C-alpha atoms as a PDB file:
ATOM      1  CA  MET A   1     -27.655 -23.766 -73.505  1.00  0.00           C
ATOM      2  CA  SER A   2     -29.736 -20.660 -72.966  1.00  0.00           C
ATOM      3  CA  ASP A   3     -32.683 -21.862 -72.416  1.00  0.00           C
ATOM      4  CA  PRO A   4     -33.520 -21.783 -68.531  1.00  0.00           C
ATOM      5  CA  ALA A   5     -33.303 -24.859 -66.350  1.00  0.00           C
ATOM      6  CA  PHE A   6     -36.755 -27.000 -65.819  1.00  0.00           C
ATOM      7  CA  VAL A   7     -36.199 -29.141 -63.050  1.00  0.00           C
ATOM      8  CA  ASP A   8     -39.999 -28.856 -61.167  1.00  0.00           C
ATOM      9  CA  PRO A   9     -43.367 -27.556 -62.691  1.00  0.00           C
ATOM     10  CA  THR A  10     -44.137 -24.109 -61.222  1.00  0.00           C
ATOM     11  CA  ARG A  11     -47.670 -23.809 -59.669  1.00  0.00           C
ATOM     12  CA  ALA A  12     -49.259 -22.979 -62.510  1.00  0.00           C
ATOM     13  CA  GLN A  13     -48.452 -26.075 -64.835  1.00  0.00           C
ATOM     14  CA  PHE A  14     -48.936 -28.230 -62.032  1.00  0.00           C
ATOM     15  CA  ASP A  15     -52.903 -26.278 -61.429  1.00  0.00           C
ATOM     16  CA  ALA A  16     -52.916 -27.018 -65.459  1.00  0.00           C
ATOM     17  CA  PHE A  17     -51.813 -31.051 -64.967  1.00  0.00           C
ATOM     18  CA  LYS A  18     -54.339 -31.537 -61.816  1.00  0.00           C
ATOM     19  CA  GLY A  19     -56.756 -29.455 -63.677  1.00  0.00           C
ATOM     20  CA  LEU A  20     -57.349 -32.121 -66.351  1.00  0.00           C
ATOM     21  CA  ASP A  21     -59.174 -35.363 -65.938  1.00  0.00           C
ATOM     22  CA  ARG A  22     -57.775 -37.587 -63.531  1.00  0.00           C
ATOM     23  CA  ASP A  23     -60.031 -40.737 -63.837  1.00  0.00           C
ATOM     24  CA  HIS A  24     -57.774 -42.359 -67.183  1.00  0.00           C
ATOM     25  CA  PRO A  25     -54.423 -43.601 -67.527  1.00  0.00           C
ATOM     26  CA  ILE A  26     -51.582 -41.484 -68.549  1.00  0.00           C
ATOM     27  CA  GLU A  27     -48.512 -41.950 -69.739  1.00  0.00           C
ATOM     28  CA  MET A  28     -45.760 -39.017 -68.484  1.00  0.00           C
ATOM     29  CA  LEU A  29     -42.740 -38.501 -71.442  1.00  0.00           C
ATOM     30  CA  ASN A  30     -39.582 -37.736 -69.579  1.00  0.00           C
ATOM     31  CA  LEU A  31     -36.830 -36.218 -71.851  1.00  0.00           C
ATOM     32  CA  VAL A  32     -33.832 -35.525 -68.700  1.00  0.00           C
ATOM     33  CA  ARG A  33     -30.452 -33.853 -69.325  1.00  0.00           C
ATOM     34  CA  PHE A  34     -28.348 -34.247 -66.186  1.00  0.00           C
ATOM     35  CA  ARG A  35     -25.847 -32.271 -64.843  1.00  0.00           C
ATOM     36  CA  ASP A  36     -22.321 -33.051 -64.603  1.00  0.00           C
ATOM     37  CA  LEU A  37     -21.783 -32.491 -61.188  1.00  0.00           C
ATOM     38  CA  ALA A  38     -24.958 -32.879 -58.678  1.00  0.00           C
ATOM     39  CA  ASN A  39     -25.948 -29.758 -56.686  1.00  0.00           C
ATOM     40  CA  TYR A  40     -27.266 -30.995 -53.867  1.00  0.00           C
ATOM     41  CA  PRO A  41     -28.789 -28.357 -50.562  1.00  0.00           C
ATOM     42  CA  GLY A  42     -25.285 -27.727 -48.425  1.00  0.00           C
ATOM     43  CA  ASP A  43     -26.861 -29.453 -46.038  1.00  0.00           C
ATOM     44  CA  HIS A  44     -27.526 -32.757 -47.688  1.00  0.00           C
ATOM     45  CA  ALA A  45     -25.258 -35.700 -46.612  1.00  0.00           C
ATOM     46  CA  LEU A  46     -24.149 -35.933 -50.312  1.00  0.00           C
ATOM     47  CA  ALA A  47     -23.321 -32.284 -51.028  1.00  0.00           C
ATOM     48  CA  ARG A  48     -19.718 -33.064 -50.859  1.00  0.00           C
ATOM     49  CA  ASP A  49     -19.726 -36.617 -52.425  1.00  0.00           C
ATOM     50  CA  GLY A  50     -19.002 -34.975 -55.899  1.00  0.00           C
ATOM     51  CA  LEU A  51     -21.706 -37.097 -57.625  1.00  0.00           C
ATOM     52  CA  THR A  52     -22.095 -36.648 -60.659  1.00  0.00           C
ATOM     53  CA  GLY A  53     -25.747 -35.866 -61.954  1.00  0.00           C
ATOM     54  CA  THR A  54     -26.103 -39.330 -63.667  1.00  0.00           C
ATOM     55  CA  GLU A  55     -25.331 -40.717 -60.389  1.00  0.00           C
ATOM     56  CA  ALA A  56     -27.608 -38.480 -58.553  1.00  0.00           C
ATOM     57  CA  TYR A  57     -30.164 -39.800 -60.973  1.00  0.00           C
ATOM     58  CA  ALA A  58     -29.548 -43.080 -60.757  1.00  0.00           C
ATOM     59  CA  LEU A  59     -30.100 -42.840 -56.300  1.00  0.00           C
ATOM     60  CA  TYR A  60     -33.494 -41.059 -56.876  1.00  0.00           C
ATOM     61  CA  GLY A  61     -34.690 -43.972 -59.870  1.00  0.00           C
ATOM     62  CA  LYS A  62     -33.420 -46.853 -56.738  1.00  0.00           C
ATOM     63  CA  HIS A  63     -34.950 -44.941 -54.237  1.00  0.00           C
ATOM     64  CA  THR A  64     -39.045 -44.294 -56.235  1.00  0.00           C
ATOM     65  CA  ALA A  65     -39.015 -47.509 -58.253  1.00  0.00           C
ATOM     66  CA  ALA A  66     -41.005 -49.050 -55.408  1.00  0.00           C
ATOM     67  CA  ILE A  67     -43.377 -46.664 -55.172  1.00  0.00           C
ATOM     68  CA  LEU A  68     -43.950 -46.182 -58.698  1.00  0.00           C
ATOM     69  CA  THR A  69     -44.979 -49.979 -58.602  1.00  0.00           C
ATOM     70  CA  ASN A  70     -46.554 -49.445 -55.384  1.00  0.00           C
ATOM     71  CA  VAL A  71     -49.097 -47.783 -57.108  1.00  0.00           C
ATOM     72  CA  GLY A  72     -49.764 -48.840 -60.080  1.00  0.00           C
ATOM     73  CA  GLY A  73     -47.066 -46.893 -62.704  1.00  0.00           C
ATOM     74  CA  SER A  74     -44.075 -48.881 -64.732  1.00  0.00           C
ATOM     75  CA  ILE A  75     -42.083 -47.855 -67.488  1.00  0.00           C
ATOM     76  CA  LEU A  76     -43.152 -48.432 -70.575  1.00  0.00           C
ATOM     77  CA  TRP A  77     -40.363 -47.201 -72.725  1.00  0.00           C
ATOM     78  CA  SER A  78     -37.125 -46.396 -72.635  1.00  0.00           C
ATOM     79  CA  ALA A  79     -34.606 -45.421 -75.122  1.00  0.00           C
ATOM     80  CA  GLN A  80     -30.637 -43.794 -75.639  1.00  0.00           C
ATOM     81  CA  PHE A  81     -30.986 -40.272 -77.202  1.00  0.00           C
ATOM     82  CA  GLU A  82     -29.127 -40.211 -80.407  1.00  0.00           C
ATOM     83  CA  THR A  83     -29.619 -36.829 -82.578  1.00  0.00           C
ATOM     84  CA  THR A  84     -32.720 -34.474 -83.251  1.00  0.00           C
ATOM     85  CA  LEU A  85     -34.044 -34.169 -86.599  1.00  0.00           C
ATOM     86  CA  ILE A  86     -36.274 -31.635 -86.405  1.00  0.00           C
ATOM     87  CA  GLY A  87     -35.966 -29.338 -83.272  1.00  0.00           C
ATOM     88  CA  PRO A  88     -33.518 -27.486 -81.292  1.00  0.00           C
ATOM     89  CA  SER A  89     -30.050 -28.962 -82.267  1.00  0.00           C
ATOM     90  CA  ASP A  90     -28.666 -28.192 -79.117  1.00  0.00           C
ATOM     91  CA  GLU A  91     -31.708 -30.785 -77.154  1.00  0.00           C
ATOM     92  CA  ALA A  92     -29.689 -33.629 -76.493  1.00  0.00           C
ATOM     93  CA  TRP A  93     -31.066 -35.721 -73.515  1.00  0.00           C
ATOM     94  CA  ASP A  94     -29.326 -38.310 -71.231  1.00  0.00           C
ATOM     95  CA  ALA A  95     -32.415 -40.062 -70.234  1.00  0.00           C
ATOM     96  CA  MET A  96     -36.042 -40.130 -72.134  1.00  0.00           C
ATOM     97  CA  PHE A  97     -38.570 -42.762 -70.999  1.00  0.00           C
ATOM     98  CA  ILE A  98     -42.071 -43.078 -70.679  1.00  0.00           C
ATOM     99  CA  ALA A  99     -43.766 -43.797 -67.029  1.00  0.00           C
ATOM    100  CA  ARG A 100     -47.171 -45.399 -67.140  1.00  0.00           C
ATOM    101  CA  TYR A 101     -49.887 -44.165 -64.410  1.00  0.00           C
ATOM    102  CA  PRO A 102     -53.331 -45.595 -64.139  1.00  0.00           C
ATOM    103  CA  THR A 103     -54.815 -42.770 -63.113  1.00  0.00           C
ATOM    104  CA  VAL A 104     -53.678 -39.166 -62.361  1.00  0.00           C
ATOM    105  CA  HIS A 105     -54.617 -39.985 -58.784  1.00  0.00           C
ATOM    106  CA  ALA A 106     -52.094 -42.753 -58.337  1.00  0.00           C
ATOM    107  CA  PHE A 107     -49.037 -40.212 -60.044  1.00  0.00           C
ATOM    108  CA  LEU A 108     -50.458 -38.034 -57.063  1.00  0.00           C
ATOM    109  CA  ALA A 109     -50.060 -40.522 -54.370  1.00  0.00           C
ATOM    110  CA  MET A 110     -46.708 -41.458 -55.750  1.00  0.00           C
ATOM    111  CA  ILE A 111     -45.253 -37.569 -55.570  1.00  0.00           C
ATOM    112  CA  SER A 112     -47.511 -37.545 -52.178  1.00  0.00           C
ATOM    113  CA  ASP A 113     -45.281 -40.249 -51.018  1.00  0.00           C
ATOM    114  CA  ALA A 114     -43.520 -39.734 -47.575  1.00  0.00           C
ATOM    115  CA  ASP A 115     -40.806 -41.586 -49.181  1.00  0.00           C
ATOM    116  CA  TYR A 116     -40.853 -40.259 -52.352  1.00  0.00           C
ATOM    117  CA  GLN A 117     -40.519 -36.637 -51.423  1.00  0.00           C
ATOM    118  CA  ARG A 118     -37.622 -37.525 -49.012  1.00  0.00           C
ATOM    119  CA  ALA A 119     -36.035 -38.959 -52.835  1.00  0.00           C
ATOM    120  CA  VAL A 120     -36.876 -36.653 -55.196  1.00  0.00           C
ATOM    121  CA  VAL A 121     -34.005 -34.390 -53.755  1.00  0.00           C
ATOM    122  CA  HIS A 122     -31.540 -36.511 -55.773  1.00  0.00           C
ATOM    123  CA  ARG A 123     -33.553 -35.869 -59.237  1.00  0.00           C
ATOM    124  CA  GLN A 124     -33.474 -32.260 -58.495  1.00  0.00           C
ATOM    125  CA  ALA A 125     -29.833 -32.249 -57.256  1.00  0.00           C
ATOM    126  CA  GLY A 126     -28.660 -34.305 -60.956  1.00  0.00           C
ATOM    127  CA  VAL A 127     -31.109 -32.795 -63.151  1.00  0.00           C
ATOM    128  CA  ALA A 128     -29.783 -29.931 -65.542  1.00  0.00           C
ATOM    129  CA  THR A 129     -33.009 -29.431 -67.001  1.00  0.00           C
ATOM    130  CA  SER A 130     -35.911 -31.834 -68.297  1.00  0.00           C
ATOM    131  CA  ARG A 131     -39.410 -31.838 -69.922  1.00  0.00           C
ATOM    132  CA  LEU A 132     -42.174 -33.797 -68.783  1.00  0.00           C
ATOM    133  CA  ILE A 133     -45.218 -33.758 -70.713  1.00  0.00           C
ATOM    134  CA  ARG A 134     -48.543 -35.625 -69.790  1.00  0.00           C
ATOM    135  CA  THR A 135     -50.138 -37.255 -72.480  1.00  0.00           C
ATOM    136  CA  LYS A 136     -53.402 -39.541 -72.565  1.00  0.00           C
ATOM    137  CA  PRO A 137     -52.777 -43.237 -74.004  1.00  0.00           C
ATOM    138  CA  GLY A 138     -54.165 -43.190 -77.572  1.00  0.00           C
ATOM    139  CA  THR A 139     -54.562 -46.014 -80.384  1.00  0.00           C
ATOM    140  CA  ILE A 140     -51.475 -48.246 -81.294  1.00  0.00           C
ATOM    141  CA  GLY A 141     -51.508 -48.254 -85.482  1.00  0.00           C
ATOM    142  CA  THR A 142     -50.141 -47.671 -88.675  1.00  0.00           C
ATOM    143  CA  SER A 143     -50.965 -43.855 -89.305  1.00  0.00           C
ATOM    144  CA  PHE A 144     -49.927 -41.277 -87.756  1.00  0.00           C
ATOM    145  CA  GLY A 145     -53.083 -39.350 -87.823  1.00  0.00           C
END
């Protein structure tokens, strides 16, 4: 895949995210592709352990699950990628899920938490590229509109 890696938001993306309404629930669509081998900073304790991207991302999940819960967040949906019907054929995902937060304030509290900030190195080491898409929950029904 020739696209650049998308692991962390740019300053402009993060500013746009924070500039939207913060007082309603948000659902974050996560699409993640893992590295074959995790890429930790050279001075990290796991840098030479040969972990896979999948293993590094699992550590991220393990170390952040309680933080997600503590801010009132949850995982609404997760699935296993099978194929793309419409879209780039080279976009395949290893992890797909939707995380729900009661407000943007809750999401910001999570990513500002000191334990979260220590754990995010596992995400950065394990992810080759990702998409993190903020959505405002809609209604459930039988119409596409």
